[in-house]
Amino acid sequence: MTYKLWWTVGYVCTTEKEFKAAKHRLIPAVYEVLDDALRRANQVSRAGGVAWLLEGDDKTRLDRPGIERTVKKRGAELEVQVPGR
């Protein structure tokens, strides 16, 4: 199973319309586990970026609001765990 996450940081895309126009030029980050993709989306958001779209082979499809709701709901369990802390 793979999950593709399209995200940007900075002023590459500031609106959904700009993202849709640029999507074909963006290279998605690919993850084997949904939680890893959501974890990265959370990190992107914290860094001031935008996670625009998450699509999986299993027909998972989350747009920006869907990603934000999911990360908000599951934020604590998606935190990166540092061994020994």
PDB file of N, CA and C in Angstrom:
ATOM      1  N   MET A   1       0.847  -1.171   0.000  1.00  0.00           N
ATOM      2  CA  MET A   1       0.000   0.000   0.000  1.00  0.00           C
ATOM      3  C   MET A   1       0.894   1.236   0.000  1.00  0.00           C
ATOM      4  N   THR A   2       0.543   2.216  -0.792  1.00  0.00           N
ATOM      5  CA  THR A   2       1.293   3.474  -0.771  1.00  0.00           C
ATOM      6  C   THR A   2       0.328   4.642  -0.641  1.00  0.00           C
ATOM      7  N   TYR A   3       0.837   5.693  -0.029  1.00  0.00           N
ATOM      8  CA  TYR A   3       0.082   6.929   0.168  1.00  0.00           C
ATOM      9  C   TYR A   3       0.947   8.070  -0.337  1.00  0.00           C
ATOM     10  N   LYS A   4       0.361   8.926  -1.159  1.00  0.00           N
ATOM     11  CA  LYS A   4       1.078  10.070  -1.716  1.00  0.00           C
ATOM     12  C   LYS A   4       0.564  11.346  -1.064  1.00  0.00           C
ATOM     13  N   LEU A   5       1.505  12.168  -0.621  1.00  0.00           N
ATOM     14  CA  LEU A   5       1.177  13.429   0.030  1.00  0.00           C
ATOM     15  C   LEU A   5       1.772  14.573  -0.773  1.00  0.00           C
ATOM     16  N   TRP A   6       0.915  15.463  -1.225  1.00  0.00           N
ATOM     17  CA  TRP A   6       1.369  16.673  -1.910  1.00  0.00           C
ATOM     18  C   TRP A   6       1.332  17.809  -0.904  1.00  0.00           C
ATOM     19  N   TRP A   7       2.463  18.486  -0.749  1.00  0.00           N
ATOM     20  CA  TRP A   7       2.533  19.592   0.187  1.00  0.00           C
ATOM     21  C   TRP A   7       3.496  20.656  -0.329  1.00  0.00           C
ATOM     22  N   THR A   8       3.310  21.849   0.170  1.00  0.00           N
ATOM     23  CA  THR A   8       4.206  22.946  -0.201  1.00  0.00           C
ATOM     24  C   THR A   8       4.519  23.778   1.037  1.00  0.00           C
ATOM     25  N   VAL A   9       5.658  24.451   0.991  1.00  0.00           N
ATOM     26  CA  VAL A   9       6.067  25.389   2.025  1.00  0.00           C
ATOM     27  C   VAL A   9       6.424  26.679   1.325  1.00  0.00           C
ATOM     28  N   GLY A  10       6.060  27.780   1.920  1.00  0.00           N
ATOM     29  CA  GLY A  10       6.360  29.070   1.317  1.00  0.00           C
ATOM     30  C   GLY A  10       5.240  29.530   0.409  1.00  0.00           C
ATOM     31  N   TYR A  11       5.602  30.240  -0.623  1.00  0.00           N
ATOM     32  CA  TYR A  11       4.597  30.848  -1.495  1.00  0.00           C
ATOM     33  C   TYR A  11       4.437  30.117  -2.817  1.00  0.00           C
ATOM     34  N   VAL A  12       4.779  28.847  -2.872  1.00  0.00           N
ATOM     35  CA  VAL A  12       4.632  28.076  -4.101  1.00  0.00           C
ATOM     36  C   VAL A  12       3.159  28.021  -4.500  1.00  0.00           C
ATOM     37  N   CYS A  13       2.311  27.680  -3.551  1.00  0.00           N
ATOM     38  CA  CYS A  13       0.865  27.634  -3.771  1.00  0.00           C
ATOM     39  C   CYS A  13       0.206  28.224  -2.533  1.00  0.00           C
ATOM     40  N   THR A  14      -0.635  29.204  -2.729  1.00  0.00           N
ATOM     41  CA  THR A  14      -1.319  29.800  -1.582  1.00  0.00           C
ATOM     42  C   THR A  14      -2.817  29.555  -1.622  1.00  0.00           C
ATOM     43  N   THR A  15      -3.321  29.031  -2.729  1.00  0.00           N
ATOM     44  CA  THR A  15      -4.750  28.735  -2.834  1.00  0.00           C
ATOM     45  C   THR A  15      -4.937  27.353  -3.455  1.00  0.00           C
ATOM     46  N   GLU A  16      -6.118  26.800  -3.269  1.00  0.00           N
ATOM     47  CA  GLU A  16      -6.451  25.503  -3.864  1.00  0.00           C
ATOM     48  C   GLU A  16      -6.329  25.573  -5.384  1.00  0.00           C
ATOM     49  N   LYS A  17      -6.741  26.678  -5.961  1.00  0.00           N
ATOM     50  CA  LYS A  17      -6.661  26.858  -7.415  1.00  0.00           C
ATOM     51  C   LYS A  17      -5.211  26.802  -7.895  1.00  0.00           C
ATOM     52  N   GLU A  18      -4.313  27.472  -7.177  1.00  0.00           N
ATOM     53  CA  GLU A  18      -2.894  27.446  -7.544  1.00  0.00           C
ATOM     54  C   GLU A  18      -2.318  26.044  -7.385  1.00  0.00           C
ATOM     55  N   PHE A  19      -2.728  25.343  -6.323  1.00  0.00           N
ATOM     56  CA  PHE A  19      -2.244  23.975  -6.139  1.00  0.00           C
ATOM     57  C   PHE A  19      -2.681  23.092  -7.298  1.00  0.00           C
ATOM     58  N   LYS A  20      -3.943  23.161  -7.670  1.00  0.00           N
ATOM     59  CA  LYS A  20      -4.437  22.326  -8.769  1.00  0.00           C
ATOM     60  C   LYS A  20      -3.700  22.623 -10.071  1.00  0.00           C
ATOM     61  N   ALA A  21      -3.359  23.877 -10.283  1.00  0.00           N
ATOM     62  CA  ALA A  21      -2.636  24.249 -11.502  1.00  0.00           C
ATOM     63  C   ALA A  21      -1.187  23.755 -11.473  1.00  0.00           C
ATOM     64  N   ALA A  22      -0.605  23.658 -10.280  1.00  0.00           N
ATOM     65  CA  ALA A  22       0.808  23.269 -10.161  1.00  0.00           C
ATOM     66  C   ALA A  22       1.000  21.787  -9.831  1.00  0.00           C
ATOM     67  N   LYS A  23      -0.065  21.080  -9.509  1.00  0.00           N
ATOM     68  CA  LYS A  23       0.061  19.690  -9.036  1.00  0.00           C
ATOM     69  C   LYS A  23       0.876  18.813  -9.980  1.00  0.00           C
ATOM     70  N   HIS A  24       0.690  18.964 -11.257  1.00  0.00           N
ATOM     71  CA  HIS A  24       1.403  18.113 -12.216  1.00  0.00           C
ATOM     72  C   HIS A  24       2.918  18.331 -12.189  1.00  0.00           C
ATOM     73  N   ARG A  25       3.371  19.462 -11.630  1.00  0.00           N
ATOM     74  CA  ARG A  25       4.808  19.739 -11.532  1.00  0.00           C
ATOM     75  C   ARG A  25       5.392  19.361 -10.175  1.00  0.00           C
ATOM     76  N   LEU A  26       4.534  19.117  -9.200  1.00  0.00           N
ATOM     77  CA  LEU A  26       4.990  18.793  -7.852  1.00  0.00           C
ATOM     78  C   LEU A  26       5.234  17.292  -7.715  1.00  0.00           C
ATOM     79  N   ILE A  27       6.235  16.938  -6.965  1.00  0.00           N
ATOM     80  CA  ILE A  27       6.539  15.536  -6.718  1.00  0.00           C
ATOM     81  C   ILE A  27       6.009  15.184  -5.329  1.00  0.00           C
ATOM     82  N   PRO A  28       5.082  14.230  -5.261  1.00  0.00           N
ATOM     83  CA  PRO A  28       4.532  13.888  -3.952  1.00  0.00           C
ATOM     84  C   PRO A  28       5.523  13.073  -3.119  1.00  0.00           C
ATOM     85  N   ALA A  29       5.400  13.205  -1.810  1.00  0.00           N
ATOM     86  CA  ALA A  29       6.144  12.337  -0.904  1.00  0.00           C
ATOM     87  C   ALA A  29       5.349  11.039  -0.802  1.00  0.00           C
ATOM     88  N   VAL A  30       6.024   9.906  -0.857  1.00  0.00           N
ATOM     89  CA  VAL A  30       5.353   8.608  -0.859  1.00  0.00           C
ATOM     90  C   VAL A  30       5.654   7.874   0.445  1.00  0.00           C
ATOM     91  N   TYR A  31       4.617   7.345   1.053  1.00  0.00           N
ATOM     92  CA  TYR A  31       4.722   6.621   2.319  1.00  0.00           C
ATOM     93  C   TYR A  31       4.018   5.279   2.194  1.00  0.00           C
ATOM     94  N   GLU A  32       4.486   4.294   2.949  1.00  0.00           N
ATOM     95  CA  GLU A  32       3.874   2.969   2.931  1.00  0.00           C
ATOM     96  C   GLU A  32       2.775   2.838   3.973  1.00  0.00           C
ATOM     97  N   VAL A  33       2.747   3.740   4.954  1.00  0.00           N
ATOM     98  CA  VAL A  33       1.780   3.679   6.045  1.00  0.00           C
ATOM     99  C   VAL A  33       1.046   5.014   6.129  1.00  0.00           C
ATOM    100  N   LEU A  34      -0.270   4.968   6.255  1.00  0.00           N
ATOM    101  CA  LEU A  34      -1.082   6.187   6.316  1.00  0.00           C
ATOM    102  C   LEU A  34      -0.642   7.089   7.462  1.00  0.00           C
ATOM    103  N   ASP A  35      -0.369   6.517   8.621  1.00  0.00           N
ATOM    104  CA  ASP A  35       0.044   7.340   9.761  1.00  0.00           C
ATOM    105  C   ASP A  35       1.331   8.103   9.483  1.00  0.00           C
ATOM    106  N   ASP A  36       2.236   7.523   8.719  1.00  0.00           N
ATOM    107  CA  ASP A  36       3.476   8.231   8.370  1.00  0.00           C
ATOM    108  C   ASP A  36       3.168   9.445   7.493  1.00  0.00           C
ATOM    109  N   ALA A  37       2.257   9.285   6.562  1.00  0.00           N
ATOM    110  CA  ALA A  37       1.865  10.414   5.706  1.00  0.00           C
ATOM    111  C   ALA A  37       1.179  11.501   6.526  1.00  0.00           C
ATOM    112  N   LEU A  38       0.323  11.104   7.444  1.00  0.00           N
ATOM    113  CA  LEU A  38      -0.358  12.082   8.304  1.00  0.00           C
ATOM    114  C   LEU A  38       0.634  12.755   9.251  1.00  0.00           C
ATOM    115  N   ARG A  39       1.597  11.996   9.735  1.00  0.00           N
ATOM    116  CA  ARG A  39       2.637  12.556  10.605  1.00  0.00           C
ATOM    117  C   ARG A  39       3.416  13.639   9.856  1.00  0.00           C
ATOM    118  N   ARG A  40       3.749  13.357   8.590  1.00  0.00           N
ATOM    119  CA  ARG A  40       4.473  14.353   7.791  1.00  0.00           C
ATOM    120  C   ARG A  40       3.597  15.567   7.520  1.00  0.00           C
ATOM    121  N   ALA A  41       2.321  15.348   7.252  1.00  0.00           N
ATOM    122  CA  ALA A  41       1.399  16.472   7.031  1.00  0.00           C
ATOM    123  C   ALA A  41       1.358  17.366   8.262  1.00  0.00           C
ATOM    124  N   ASN A  42       1.382  16.770   9.440  1.00  0.00           N
ATOM    125  CA  ASN A  42       1.394  17.534  10.688  1.00  0.00           C
ATOM    126  C   ASN A  42       2.681  18.342  10.800  1.00  0.00           C
ATOM    127  N   GLN A  43       3.817  17.737  10.468  1.00  0.00           N
ATOM    128  CA  GLN A  43       5.098  18.441  10.518  1.00  0.00           C
ATOM    129  C   GLN A  43       5.125  19.603   9.531  1.00  0.00           C
ATOM    130  N   VAL A  44       4.594  19.376   8.338  1.00  0.00           N
ATOM    131  CA  VAL A  44       4.542  20.431   7.318  1.00  0.00           C
ATOM    132  C   VAL A  44       3.730  21.608   7.838  1.00  0.00           C
ATOM    133  N   SER A  45       2.585  21.315   8.407  1.00  0.00           N
ATOM    134  CA  SER A  45       1.718  22.362   8.940  1.00  0.00           C
ATOM    135  C   SER A  45       2.417  23.166  10.039  1.00  0.00           C
ATOM    136  N   ARG A  46       3.096  22.464  10.924  1.00  0.00           N
ATOM    137  CA  ARG A  46       3.814  23.147  12.010  1.00  0.00           C
ATOM    138  C   ARG A  46       4.944  24.019  11.491  1.00  0.00           C
ATOM    139  N   ALA A  47       5.490  23.674  10.331  1.00  0.00           N
ATOM    140  CA  ALA A  47       6.576  24.449   9.741  1.00  0.00           C
ATOM    141  C   ALA A  47       6.051  25.605   8.889  1.00  0.00           C
ATOM    142  N   GLY A  48       4.738  25.775   8.841  1.00  0.00           N
ATOM    143  CA  GLY A  48       4.165  26.875   8.081  1.00  0.00           C
ATOM    144  C   GLY A  48       3.772  26.511   6.665  1.00  0.00           C
ATOM    145  N   GLY A  49       3.846  25.233   6.324  1.00  0.00           N
ATOM    146  CA  GLY A  49       3.467  24.788   4.988  1.00  0.00           C
ATOM    147  C   GLY A  49       2.016  24.329   4.938  1.00  0.00           C
ATOM    148  N   VAL A  50       1.662  23.784   3.785  1.00  0.00           N
ATOM    149  CA  VAL A  50       0.298  23.306   3.575  1.00  0.00           C
ATOM    150  C   VAL A  50       0.340  21.900   2.985  1.00  0.00           C
ATOM    151  N   ALA A  51      -0.347  20.981   3.629  1.00  0.00           N
ATOM    152  CA  ALA A  51      -0.541  19.643   3.081  1.00  0.00           C
ATOM    153  C   ALA A  51      -1.825  19.714   2.256  1.00  0.00           C
ATOM    154  N   TRP A  52      -1.705  19.620   0.942  1.00  0.00           N
ATOM    155  CA  TRP A  52      -2.837  19.853   0.050  1.00  0.00           C
ATOM    156  C   TRP A  52      -3.681  18.627  -0.220  1.00  0.00           C
ATOM    157  N   LEU A  53      -3.021  17.479  -0.387  1.00  0.00           N
ATOM    158  CA  LEU A  53      -3.758  16.302  -0.832  1.00  0.00           C
ATOM    159  C   LEU A  53      -3.036  15.039  -0.392  1.00  0.00           C
ATOM    160  N   LEU A  54      -3.821  14.062   0.052  1.00  0.00           N
ATOM    161  CA  LEU A  54      -3.301  12.756   0.438  1.00  0.00           C
ATOM    162  C   LEU A  54      -4.137  11.700  -0.274  1.00  0.00           C
ATOM    163  N   GLU A  55      -3.476  10.880  -1.084  1.00  0.00           N
ATOM    164  CA  GLU A  55      -4.166   9.835  -1.840  1.00  0.00           C
ATOM    165  C   GLU A  55      -3.482   8.496  -1.599  1.00  0.00           C
ATOM    166  N   GLY A  56      -4.305   7.453  -1.430  1.00  0.00           N
ATOM    167  CA  GLY A  56      -3.764   6.128  -1.211  1.00  0.00           C
ATOM    168  C   GLY A  56      -4.253   5.136  -2.241  1.00  0.00           C
ATOM    169  N   ASP A  57      -3.499   4.052  -2.395  1.00  0.00           N
ATOM    170  CA  ASP A  57      -3.890   2.971  -3.291  1.00  0.00           C
ATOM    171  C   ASP A  57      -5.217   2.346  -2.869  1.00  0.00           C
ATOM    172  N   ASP A  58      -5.545   2.497  -1.590  1.00  0.00           N
ATOM    173  CA  ASP A  58      -6.770   1.914  -1.050  1.00  0.00           C
ATOM    174  C   ASP A  58      -7.978   2.848  -1.206  1.00  0.00           C
ATOM    175  N   LYS A  59      -7.862   3.824  -2.089  1.00  0.00           N
ATOM    176  CA  LYS A  59      -8.918   4.802  -2.382  1.00  0.00           C
ATOM    177  C   LYS A  59      -9.042   5.895  -1.315  1.00  0.00           C
ATOM    178  N   THR A  60      -8.086   5.955  -0.380  1.00  0.00           N
ATOM    179  CA  THR A  60      -8.060   7.060   0.574  1.00  0.00           C
ATOM    180  C   THR A  60      -7.830   8.341  -0.213  1.00  0.00           C
ATOM    181  N   ARG A  61      -8.608   9.366   0.112  1.00  0.00           N
ATOM    182  CA  ARG A  61      -8.429  10.671  -0.535  1.00  0.00           C
ATOM    183  C   ARG A  61      -8.838  11.744   0.454  1.00  0.00           C
ATOM    184  N   LEU A  62      -7.852  12.483   0.933  1.00  0.00           N
ATOM    185  CA  LEU A  62      -8.104  13.575   1.862  1.00  0.00           C
ATOM    186  C   LEU A  62      -7.609  14.870   1.233  1.00  0.00           C
ATOM    187  N   ASP A  63      -8.482  15.852   1.156  1.00  0.00           N
ATOM    188  CA  ASP A  63      -8.070  17.167   0.690  1.00  0.00           C
ATOM    189  C   ASP A  63      -7.555  17.959   1.892  1.00  0.00           C
ATOM    190  N   ARG A  64      -7.197  19.194   1.671  1.00  0.00           N
ATOM    191  CA  ARG A  64      -6.605  20.011   2.737  1.00  0.00           C
ATOM    192  C   ARG A  64      -7.464  20.039   4.002  1.00  0.00           C
ATOM    193  N   PRO A  65      -8.772  20.358   3.897  1.00  0.00           N
ATOM    194  CA  PRO A  65      -9.583  20.365   5.128  1.00  0.00           C
ATOM    195  C   PRO A  65      -9.663  18.986   5.790  1.00  0.00           C
ATOM    196  N   GLY A  66      -9.726  17.940   4.997  1.00  0.00           N
ATOM    197  CA  GLY A  66      -9.782  16.585   5.546  1.00  0.00           C
ATOM    198  C   GLY A  66      -8.505  16.209   6.277  1.00  0.00           C
ATOM    199  N   ILE A  67      -7.376  16.598   5.708  1.00  0.00           N
ATOM    200  CA  ILE A  67      -6.087  16.345   6.360  1.00  0.00           C
ATOM    201  C   ILE A  67      -6.024  17.112   7.675  1.00  0.00           C
ATOM    202  N   GLU A  68      -6.424  18.382   7.637  1.00  0.00           N
ATOM    203  CA  GLU A  68      -6.374  19.212   8.851  1.00  0.00           C
ATOM    204  C   GLU A  68      -7.269  18.651   9.951  1.00  0.00           C
ATOM    205  N   ARG A  69      -8.483  18.198   9.598  1.00  0.00           N
ATOM    206  CA  ARG A  69      -9.387  17.610  10.598  1.00  0.00           C
ATOM    207  C   ARG A  69      -8.802  16.333  11.190  1.00  0.00           C
ATOM    208  N   THR A  70      -8.243  15.493  10.336  1.00  0.00           N
ATOM    209  CA  THR A  70      -7.688  14.219  10.798  1.00  0.00           C
ATOM    210  C   THR A  70      -6.486  14.442  11.700  1.00  0.00           C
ATOM    211  N   VAL A  71      -5.603  15.342  11.307  1.00  0.00           N
ATOM    212  CA  VAL A  71      -4.423  15.629  12.118  1.00  0.00           C
ATOM    213  C   VAL A  71      -4.836  16.251  13.454  1.00  0.00           C
ATOM    214  N   LYS A  72      -5.819  17.117  13.437  1.00  0.00           N
ATOM    215  CA  LYS A  72      -6.295  17.738  14.678  1.00  0.00           C
ATOM    216  C   LYS A  72      -6.875  16.673  15.616  1.00  0.00           C
ATOM    217  N   LYS A  73      -7.636  15.752  15.052  1.00  0.00           N
ATOM    218  CA  LYS A  73      -8.277  14.703  15.851  1.00  0.00           C
ATOM    219  C   LYS A  73      -7.256  13.701  16.391  1.00  0.00           C
ATOM    220  N   ARG A  74      -6.242  13.365  15.587  1.00  0.00           N
ATOM    221  CA  ARG A  74      -5.287  12.319  15.946  1.00  0.00           C
ATOM    222  C   ARG A  74      -3.893  12.857  16.261  1.00  0.00           C
ATOM    223  N   GLY A  75      -3.791  14.166  16.478  1.00  0.00           N
ATOM    224  CA  GLY A  75      -2.490  14.812  16.657  1.00  0.00           C
ATOM    225  C   GLY A  75      -1.572  14.163  17.672  1.00  0.00           C
ATOM    226  N   ALA A  76      -2.095  13.844  18.857  1.00  0.00           N
ATOM    227  CA  ALA A  76      -1.243  13.284  19.928  1.00  0.00           C
ATOM    228  C   ALA A  76      -0.655  11.940  19.523  1.00  0.00           C
ATOM    229  N   GLU A  77      -1.449  11.099  18.885  1.00  0.00           N
ATOM    230  CA  GLU A  77      -0.925   9.781  18.513  1.00  0.00           C
ATOM    231  C   GLU A  77      -0.015   9.835  17.290  1.00  0.00           C
ATOM    232  N   LEU A  78      -0.012  10.966  16.576  1.00  0.00           N
ATOM    233  CA  LEU A  78       0.862  11.109  15.420  1.00  0.00           C
ATOM    234  C   LEU A  78       2.190  11.785  15.745  1.00  0.00           C
ATOM    235  N   GLU A  79       2.365  12.202  17.008  1.00  0.00           N
ATOM    236  CA  GLU A  79       3.605  12.838  17.401  1.00  0.00           C
ATOM    237  C   GLU A  79       4.781  11.900  17.168  1.00  0.00           C
ATOM    238  N   VAL A  80       5.891  12.452  16.756  1.00  0.00           N
ATOM    239  CA  VAL A  80       7.098  11.660  16.544  1.00  0.00           C
ATOM    240  C   VAL A  80       7.633  11.250  17.907  1.00  0.00           C
ATOM    241  N   GLN A  81       7.827   9.966  18.103  1.00  0.00           N
ATOM    242  CA  GLN A  81       8.336   9.446  19.374  1.00  0.00           C
ATOM    243  C   GLN A  81       9.859   9.319  19.289  1.00  0.00           C
ATOM    244  N   VAL A  82      10.537   9.965  20.218  1.00  0.00           N
ATOM    245  CA  VAL A  82      11.991   9.882  20.286  1.00  0.00           C
ATOM    246  C   VAL A  82      12.350   8.778  21.275  1.00  0.00           C
ATOM    247  N   PRO A  83      13.108   7.783  20.855  1.00  0.00           N
ATOM    248  CA  PRO A  83      13.474   6.688  21.754  1.00  0.00           C
ATOM    249  C   PRO A  83      14.201   7.201  23.008  1.00  0.00           C
ATOM    250  N   GLY A  84      13.836   6.657  24.158  1.00  0.00           N
ATOM    251  CA  GLY A  84      14.506   7.022  25.398  1.00  0.00           C
ATOM    252  C   GLY A  84      13.958   8.261  26.062  1.00  0.00           C
ATOM    253  N   ARG A  85      12.859   8.800  25.567  1.00  0.00           N
ATOM    254  CA  ARG A  85      12.283  10.011  26.195  1.00  0.00           C
ATOM    255  C   ARG A  85      10.891   9.745  26.669  1.00  0.00           C
TER     256      ARG A  85
END
